[in-house]
Amino acid sequence: MRDDGRVGYADKATTLDAARARAGRLKASLENRNVHVEVLNYCRAELLDENYFHAVFESTKGVAERIRSMSGLTMDGAELVNRTFSTQNPILVLGSLATESEKSEQKGFAHLLVGLFGAVRNPLAHAPKTNWPMSEQDALDILTLVSLIHRKLDRTLKANTAAL
């Protein structure tokens, strides 16, 4: 992070102390964005290694794991999301689904999750790191999106406890 608050590119650190200092700056940038604690829980080691590719990959896997834990399901990806956040027979809900706006938010959140898995997690899982360069700016943006998703997950309820 540059002094003007913008993200800049830097050479790879050559010593452990330099890597820790850079990781500290990235972590500070994430903390300045007030990212959800779950983001850091899943990628702390990767941030220390300045491994943005794997930090992002681990954080997206963490989203799927959290949804599985909350829903009790064992499936993955779009199947997990579509079953968990269905508007017809959901397991988890963001609200009562009584209004079109609440149903729209539920559908939109499911689409956001499917998009995260399809556009970020799956390509990272199936492509070599050299085919997917991950800049610090991209990592910050994706990790911030993952943080938003965790905040929304914080306020979900089991469908059988919500007033549907």
C-alpha atoms as a PDB file:
ATOM      1  CA  MET A   1       0.000   0.000   0.000  1.00  0.00           C
ATOM      2  CA  ARG A   2       1.475   3.323  -1.026  1.00  0.00           C
ATOM      3  CA  ASP A   3       1.396   6.410   1.171  1.00  0.00           C
ATOM      4  CA  ASP A   4      -1.403   7.858  -0.974  1.00  0.00           C
ATOM      5  CA  GLY A   5      -3.599   4.873  -0.060  1.00  0.00           C
ATOM      6  CA  ARG A   6      -3.353   3.239  -3.471  1.00  0.00           C
ATOM      7  CA  VAL A   7      -2.020  -0.225  -4.045  1.00  0.00           C
ATOM      8  CA  GLY A   8       1.264  -0.392  -5.896  1.00  0.00           C
ATOM      9  CA  TYR A   9       3.409  -3.215  -7.204  1.00  0.00           C
ATOM     10  CA  ALA A  10       6.575  -4.219  -5.380  1.00  0.00           C
ATOM     11  CA  ASP A  11       9.422  -6.651  -5.859  1.00  0.00           C
ATOM     12  CA  LYS A  12       9.241  -9.969  -4.030  1.00  0.00           C
ATOM     13  CA  ALA A  13      10.863  -9.835  -0.605  1.00  0.00           C
ATOM     14  CA  THR A  14      14.161 -11.687  -0.392  1.00  0.00           C
ATOM     15  CA  THR A  15      14.393 -12.119   3.385  1.00  0.00           C
ATOM     16  CA  LEU A  16      12.004 -13.456   5.987  1.00  0.00           C
ATOM     17  CA  ASP A  17      12.006 -10.093   7.768  1.00  0.00           C
ATOM     18  CA  ALA A  18      11.116  -8.296   4.536  1.00  0.00           C
ATOM     19  CA  ALA A  19       8.358 -10.835   3.835  1.00  0.00           C
ATOM     20  CA  ARG A  20       6.946 -10.350   7.327  1.00  0.00           C
ATOM     21  CA  ALA A  21       7.015  -6.574   6.888  1.00  0.00           C
ATOM     22  CA  ARG A  22       5.206  -6.812   3.546  1.00  0.00           C
ATOM     23  CA  ALA A  23       2.710  -9.324   4.915  1.00  0.00           C
ATOM     24  CA  GLY A  24       2.162  -6.939   7.801  1.00  0.00           C
ATOM     25  CA  ARG A  25       1.363  -4.159   5.325  1.00  0.00           C
ATOM     26  CA  LEU A  26      -1.078  -6.359   3.423  1.00  0.00           C
ATOM     27  CA  LYS A  27      -2.678  -7.498   6.668  1.00  0.00           C
ATOM     28  CA  ALA A  28      -2.876  -3.836   7.733  1.00  0.00           C
ATOM     29  CA  SER A  29      -4.570  -3.002   4.423  1.00  0.00           C
ATOM     30  CA  LEU A  30      -7.098  -5.759   5.068  1.00  0.00           C
ATOM     31  CA  GLU A  31      -7.617  -4.543   8.622  1.00  0.00           C
ATOM     32  CA  ASN A  32      -8.104  -0.980   7.315  1.00  0.00           C
ATOM     33  CA  ARG A  33     -10.894  -2.416   5.194  1.00  0.00           C
ATOM     34  CA  ASN A  34     -12.195  -4.054   8.391  1.00  0.00           C
ATOM     35  CA  VAL A  35     -12.286  -7.476   6.758  1.00  0.00           C
ATOM     36  CA  HIS A  36     -14.169 -10.228   8.520  1.00  0.00           C
ATOM     37  CA  VAL A  37     -12.044 -12.324  10.872  1.00  0.00           C
ATOM     38  CA  GLU A  38     -12.884 -15.472   8.868  1.00  0.00           C
ATOM     39  CA  VAL A  39     -10.923 -14.088   5.912  1.00  0.00           C
ATOM     40  CA  LEU A  40      -7.720 -13.966   7.934  1.00  0.00           C
ATOM     41  CA  ASN A  41      -8.449 -17.286   9.641  1.00  0.00           C
ATOM     42  CA  TYR A  42      -8.281 -19.093   6.313  1.00  0.00           C
ATOM     43  CA  CYS A  43      -5.249 -17.405   4.764  1.00  0.00           C
ATOM     44  CA  ARG A  44      -2.917 -16.055   7.466  1.00  0.00           C
ATOM     45  CA  ALA A  45       0.022 -18.331   6.503  1.00  0.00           C
ATOM     46  CA  GLU A  46      -0.388 -17.552   2.804  1.00  0.00           C
ATOM     47  CA  LEU A  47      -0.341 -13.818   3.505  1.00  0.00           C
ATOM     48  CA  LEU A  48       2.905 -14.226   5.452  1.00  0.00           C
ATOM     49  CA  ASP A  49       4.379 -16.009   2.437  1.00  0.00           C
ATOM     50  CA  GLU A  50       3.087 -13.198   0.169  1.00  0.00           C
ATOM     51  CA  ASN A  51       1.249 -15.909  -1.716  1.00  0.00           C
ATOM     52  CA  TYR A  52      -1.742 -13.923  -2.934  1.00  0.00           C
ATOM     53  CA  PHE A  53      -2.868 -16.733  -5.260  1.00  0.00           C
ATOM     54  CA  HIS A  54      -3.163 -19.242  -2.417  1.00  0.00           C
ATOM     55  CA  ALA A  55      -4.452 -16.654   0.084  1.00  0.00           C
ATOM     56  CA  VAL A  56      -7.394 -15.956  -2.219  1.00  0.00           C
ATOM     57  CA  PHE A  57      -7.867 -19.664  -2.968  1.00  0.00           C
ATOM     58  CA  GLU A  58      -7.924 -20.605   0.729  1.00  0.00           C
ATOM     59  CA  SER A  59     -10.327 -17.783   1.577  1.00  0.00           C
ATOM     60  CA  THR A  60     -12.796 -18.920  -1.094  1.00  0.00           C
ATOM     61  CA  LYS A  61     -12.550 -22.524   0.096  1.00  0.00           C
ATOM     62  CA  GLY A  62     -13.311 -21.155   3.555  1.00  0.00           C
ATOM     63  CA  VAL A  63     -16.597 -19.697   2.298  1.00  0.00           C
ATOM     64  CA  ALA A  64     -17.703 -23.104   1.013  1.00  0.00           C
ATOM     65  CA  GLU A  65     -16.647 -24.783   4.243  1.00  0.00           C
ATOM     66  CA  ARG A  66     -18.593 -22.263   6.312  1.00  0.00           C
ATOM     67  CA  ILE A  67     -21.742 -22.780   4.217  1.00  0.00           C
ATOM     68  CA  ARG A  68     -21.381 -26.547   4.618  1.00  0.00           C
ATOM     69  CA  SER A  69     -20.974 -26.137   8.367  1.00  0.00           C
ATOM     70  CA  MET A  70     -23.983 -23.833   8.662  1.00  0.00           C
ATOM     71  CA  SER A  71     -26.241 -25.879   6.382  1.00  0.00           C
ATOM     72  CA  GLY A  72     -25.232 -29.386   7.399  1.00  0.00           C
ATOM     73  CA  LEU A  73     -24.745 -30.313   3.733  1.00  0.00           C
ATOM     74  CA  THR A  74     -21.684 -32.014   2.283  1.00  0.00           C
ATOM     75  CA  MET A  75     -21.939 -30.973  -1.372  1.00  0.00           C
ATOM     76  CA  ASP A  76     -19.868 -28.200  -2.941  1.00  0.00           C
ATOM     77  CA  GLY A  77     -19.973 -25.274  -5.331  1.00  0.00           C
ATOM     78  CA  ALA A  78     -23.131 -24.239  -7.144  1.00  0.00           C
ATOM     79  CA  GLU A  79     -25.003 -27.324  -5.934  1.00  0.00           C
ATOM     80  CA  LEU A  80     -24.266 -26.392  -2.301  1.00  0.00           C
ATOM     81  CA  VAL A  81     -25.282 -22.763  -2.818  1.00  0.00           C
ATOM     82  CA  ASN A  82     -28.431 -23.495  -4.812  1.00  0.00           C
ATOM     83  CA  ARG A  83     -29.666 -26.020  -2.269  1.00  0.00           C
ATOM     84  CA  THR A  84     -28.760 -23.875   0.757  1.00  0.00           C
ATOM     85  CA  PHE A  85     -30.126 -20.548  -0.508  1.00  0.00           C
ATOM     86  CA  SER A  86     -33.090 -21.679  -2.622  1.00  0.00           C
ATOM     87  CA  THR A  87     -36.109 -19.390  -2.362  1.00  0.00           C
ATOM     88  CA  GLN A  88     -38.518 -22.345  -2.531  1.00  0.00           C
ATOM     89  CA  ASN A  89     -37.155 -24.601   0.207  1.00  0.00           C
ATOM     90  CA  PRO A  90     -34.065 -22.898   1.676  1.00  0.00           C
ATOM     91  CA  ILE A  91     -31.877 -24.133   4.479  1.00  0.00           C
ATOM     92  CA  LEU A  92     -30.459 -20.670   5.233  1.00  0.00           C
ATOM     93  CA  VAL A  93     -32.172 -17.336   4.689  1.00  0.00           C
ATOM     94  CA  LEU A  94     -31.123 -13.703   4.807  1.00  0.00           C
ATOM     95  CA  GLY A  95     -34.630 -12.621   5.786  1.00  0.00           C
ATOM     96  CA  SER A  96     -38.199 -13.816   5.938  1.00  0.00           C
ATOM     97  CA  LEU A  97     -38.541 -14.018   2.119  1.00  0.00           C
ATOM     98  CA  ALA A  98     -41.965 -12.428   2.566  1.00  0.00           C
ATOM     99  CA  THR A  99     -41.387  -9.667   0.027  1.00  0.00           C
ATOM    100  CA  GLU A 100     -40.077  -9.653  -3.518  1.00  0.00           C
ATOM    101  CA  SER A 101     -37.127  -7.565  -2.290  1.00  0.00           C
ATOM    102  CA  GLU A 102     -36.180 -10.206   0.282  1.00  0.00           C
ATOM    103  CA  LYS A 103     -36.505 -12.968  -2.313  1.00  0.00           C
ATOM    104  CA  SER A 104     -34.421 -10.915  -4.726  1.00  0.00           C
ATOM    105  CA  GLU A 105     -31.708 -10.426  -2.107  1.00  0.00           C
ATOM    106  CA  GLN A 106     -31.685 -14.178  -1.392  1.00  0.00           C
ATOM    107  CA  LYS A 107     -31.359 -14.972  -5.112  1.00  0.00           C
ATOM    108  CA  GLY A 108     -28.731 -12.278  -5.621  1.00  0.00           C
ATOM    109  CA  PHE A 109     -26.641 -13.560  -2.725  1.00  0.00           C
ATOM    110  CA  ALA A 110     -26.789 -17.078  -4.157  1.00  0.00           C
ATOM    111  CA  HIS A 111     -25.698 -15.719  -7.551  1.00  0.00           C
ATOM    112  CA  LEU A 112     -22.832 -13.830  -5.892  1.00  0.00           C
ATOM    113  CA  LEU A 113     -21.655 -17.036  -4.204  1.00  0.00           C
ATOM    114  CA  VAL A 114     -21.922 -19.092  -7.392  1.00  0.00           C
ATOM    115  CA  GLY A 115     -20.013 -16.318  -9.177  1.00  0.00           C
ATOM    116  CA  LEU A 116     -17.246 -16.336  -6.571  1.00  0.00           C
ATOM    117  CA  PHE A 117     -16.830 -20.079  -6.940  1.00  0.00           C
ATOM    118  CA  GLY A 118     -17.084 -20.034 -10.737  1.00  0.00           C
ATOM    119  CA  ALA A 119     -14.956 -16.974 -11.436  1.00  0.00           C
ATOM    120  CA  VAL A 120     -12.347 -17.283  -8.686  1.00  0.00           C
ATOM    121  CA  ARG A 121     -12.210 -20.538  -6.738  1.00  0.00           C
ATOM    122  CA  ASN A 122     -12.649 -23.006  -9.596  1.00  0.00           C
ATOM    123  CA  PRO A 123     -10.091 -21.425 -11.951  1.00  0.00           C
ATOM    124  CA  LEU A 124      -7.580 -21.230  -9.096  1.00  0.00           C
ATOM    125  CA  ALA A 125      -8.216 -24.889  -8.287  1.00  0.00           C
ATOM    126  CA  HIS A 126      -7.726 -26.076 -11.855  1.00  0.00           C
ATOM    127  CA  ALA A 127      -5.037 -23.772 -13.250  1.00  0.00           C
ATOM    128  CA  PRO A 128      -1.351 -23.580 -12.409  1.00  0.00           C
ATOM    129  CA  LYS A 129      -0.376 -20.525 -10.419  1.00  0.00           C
ATOM    130  CA  THR A 130       1.707 -19.320 -13.376  1.00  0.00           C
ATOM    131  CA  ASN A 131      -1.442 -19.136 -15.527  1.00  0.00           C
ATOM    132  CA  TRP A 132      -3.277 -16.940 -13.018  1.00  0.00           C
ATOM    133  CA  PRO A 133      -1.093 -14.069 -11.835  1.00  0.00           C
ATOM    134  CA  MET A 134      -2.541 -12.595  -8.645  1.00  0.00           C
ATOM    135  CA  SER A 135      -1.621  -8.989  -7.932  1.00  0.00           C
ATOM    136  CA  GLU A 136      -1.868  -7.460  -4.493  1.00  0.00           C
ATOM    137  CA  GLN A 137      -4.730  -5.252  -5.756  1.00  0.00           C
ATOM    138  CA  ASP A 138      -6.701  -8.232  -7.051  1.00  0.00           C
ATOM    139  CA  ALA A 139      -6.080 -10.122  -3.808  1.00  0.00           C
ATOM    140  CA  LEU A 140      -7.296  -7.163  -1.731  1.00  0.00           C
ATOM    141  CA  ASP A 141     -10.419  -6.785  -3.845  1.00  0.00           C
ATOM    142  CA  ILE A 142     -11.308 -10.482  -3.781  1.00  0.00           C
ATOM    143  CA  LEU A 143     -10.561 -10.829  -0.061  1.00  0.00           C
ATOM    144  CA  THR A 144     -12.800  -7.809   0.572  1.00  0.00           C
ATOM    145  CA  LEU A 145     -15.602  -9.493  -1.398  1.00  0.00           C
ATOM    146  CA  VAL A 146     -15.086 -12.660   0.664  1.00  0.00           C
ATOM    147  CA  SER A 147     -15.365 -10.482   3.773  1.00  0.00           C
ATOM    148  CA  LEU A 148     -18.720  -9.091   2.598  1.00  0.00           C
ATOM    149  CA  ILE A 149     -19.929 -12.643   2.022  1.00  0.00           C
ATOM    150  CA  HIS A 150     -18.925 -13.661   5.556  1.00  0.00           C
ATOM    151  CA  ARG A 151     -20.784 -10.645   6.985  1.00  0.00           C
ATOM    152  CA  LYS A 152     -23.909 -11.693   5.121  1.00  0.00           C
ATOM    153  CA  LEU A 153     -23.449 -15.264   6.359  1.00  0.00           C
ATOM    154  CA  ASP A 154     -23.256 -13.858   9.906  1.00  0.00           C
ATOM    155  CA  ARG A 155     -26.823 -12.631   9.605  1.00  0.00           C
ATOM    156  CA  THR A 156     -28.349 -15.695   7.978  1.00  0.00           C
ATOM    157  CA  LEU A 157     -30.834 -17.796   9.898  1.00  0.00           C
ATOM    158  CA  LYS A 158     -31.861 -21.420   9.592  1.00  0.00           C
ATOM    159  CA  ALA A 159     -35.022 -21.385   7.494  1.00  0.00           C
ATOM    160  CA  ASN A 160     -37.011 -23.295  10.096  1.00  0.00           C
ATOM    161  CA  THR A 161     -36.265 -20.588  12.704  1.00  0.00           C
ATOM    162  CA  ALA A 162     -37.076 -17.641  10.428  1.00  0.00           C
ATOM    163  CA  ALA A 163     -40.634 -16.435   9.945  1.00  0.00           C
ATOM    164  CA  LEU A 164     -41.153 -17.723   6.396  1.00  0.00           C
END
